[in-house]
Amino acid sequence: MFYTGTATVDRRARYGEFTRRGHTVDSDRARVVSGTRDASAACWAETMPPEDELTASVRALGSTALPIGR
């Protein structure tokens, strides 16, 4: 999860701010999702395909590859 708060936000823009790169860089490996968690607005990344998993934070990735494993 890379955002929780009281306001609904642009999930793709938030992902870009959090990772320090655009969401399109990862669009073939991760889906950026928004919804609610514990009654708060939230945004998170899910791997595609679902059998993959994030193995570390996506915080400040910059030009580093997504930390994905199986």
Protein backbone atom coordinates (compact mmCIF):
# COMPACT_ATOMS: atom_id res chain seq x y z
CA MET A 1 0.00 0.00 0.00
CA PHE A 2 1.41 3.39 -0.92
CA TYR A 3 -1.40 5.69 0.18
CA THR A 4 -4.01 5.82 2.93
CA GLY A 5 -5.90 8.94 3.87
CA THR A 6 -9.22 10.71 4.11
CA ALA A 7 -9.31 11.99 0.51
CA THR A 8 -9.65 10.05 -2.71
CA VAL A 9 -6.57 10.70 -4.88
CA ASP A 10 -5.36 9.98 -8.40
CA ARG A 11 -3.88 6.52 -7.83
CA ARG A 12 -1.56 6.68 -10.84
CA ALA A 13 -0.17 10.07 -9.88
CA ARG A 14 0.31 8.87 -6.28
CA TYR A 15 2.15 5.77 -7.51
CA GLY A 16 4.44 7.98 -9.60
CA GLU A 17 5.21 10.20 -6.60
CA PHE A 18 5.83 7.21 -4.35
CA THR A 19 8.04 5.26 -6.75
CA ARG A 20 9.62 8.30 -8.43
CA ARG A 21 8.66 7.05 -11.88
CA GLY A 22 5.50 6.92 -13.96
CA HIS A 23 2.95 4.15 -13.50
CA THR A 24 3.27 3.19 -17.18
CA VAL A 25 6.82 1.92 -16.57
CA ASP A 26 5.36 -0.93 -14.49
CA SER A 27 1.98 -1.35 -16.20
CA ASP A 28 2.92 -4.73 -17.71
CA ARG A 29 3.94 -6.18 -14.31
CA ALA A 30 1.80 -4.31 -11.76
CA ARG A 31 -1.70 -2.90 -11.57
CA VAL A 32 -2.32 0.27 -9.54
CA VAL A 33 -5.55 -0.12 -7.53
CA SER A 34 -7.62 2.18 -5.35
CA GLY A 35 -10.34 1.41 -2.85
CA THR A 36 -10.85 1.51 0.89
CA ARG A 37 -8.96 -0.13 3.71
CA ASP A 38 -10.10 0.19 7.32
CA ALA A 39 -12.61 2.91 6.29
CA SER A 40 -9.87 5.07 4.70
CA ALA A 41 -9.19 5.82 1.04
CA ALA A 42 -6.25 3.69 -0.09
CA CYS A 43 -4.05 2.93 -3.11
CA TRP A 44 -1.85 -0.11 -3.61
CA ALA A 45 -0.07 -2.12 -6.30
CA GLU A 46 -0.98 -5.67 -7.27
CA THR A 47 1.22 -7.88 -9.40
CA MET A 48 0.17 -9.19 -12.80
CA PRO A 49 -0.02 -12.13 -13.15
CA PRO A 50 -1.40 -12.91 -9.68
CA GLU A 51 1.10 -15.72 -9.05
CA ASP A 52 3.87 -13.10 -8.91
CA GLU A 53 4.45 -11.21 -5.66
CA LEU A 54 6.16 -8.01 -4.59
CA THR A 55 9.16 -8.97 -2.49
CA ALA A 56 10.05 -5.46 -1.26
CA SER A 57 8.69 -1.94 -1.14
CA VAL A 58 8.13 0.04 -4.34
CA ARG A 59 9.17 3.21 -2.50
CA ALA A 60 11.62 5.37 -4.48
CA LEU A 61 12.33 2.75 -7.15
CA GLY A 62 13.50 5.32 -9.68
CA SER A 63 15.18 3.33 -12.45
CA THR A 64 15.45 0.09 -10.43
CA ALA A 65 13.40 -2.94 -11.52
CA LEU A 66 10.26 -3.86 -9.65
CA PRO A 67 11.05 -6.27 -6.80
CA ILE A 68 8.92 -9.13 -8.10
CA GLY A 69 9.34 -12.85 -7.48
CA ARG A 70 7.32 -16.05 -7.74
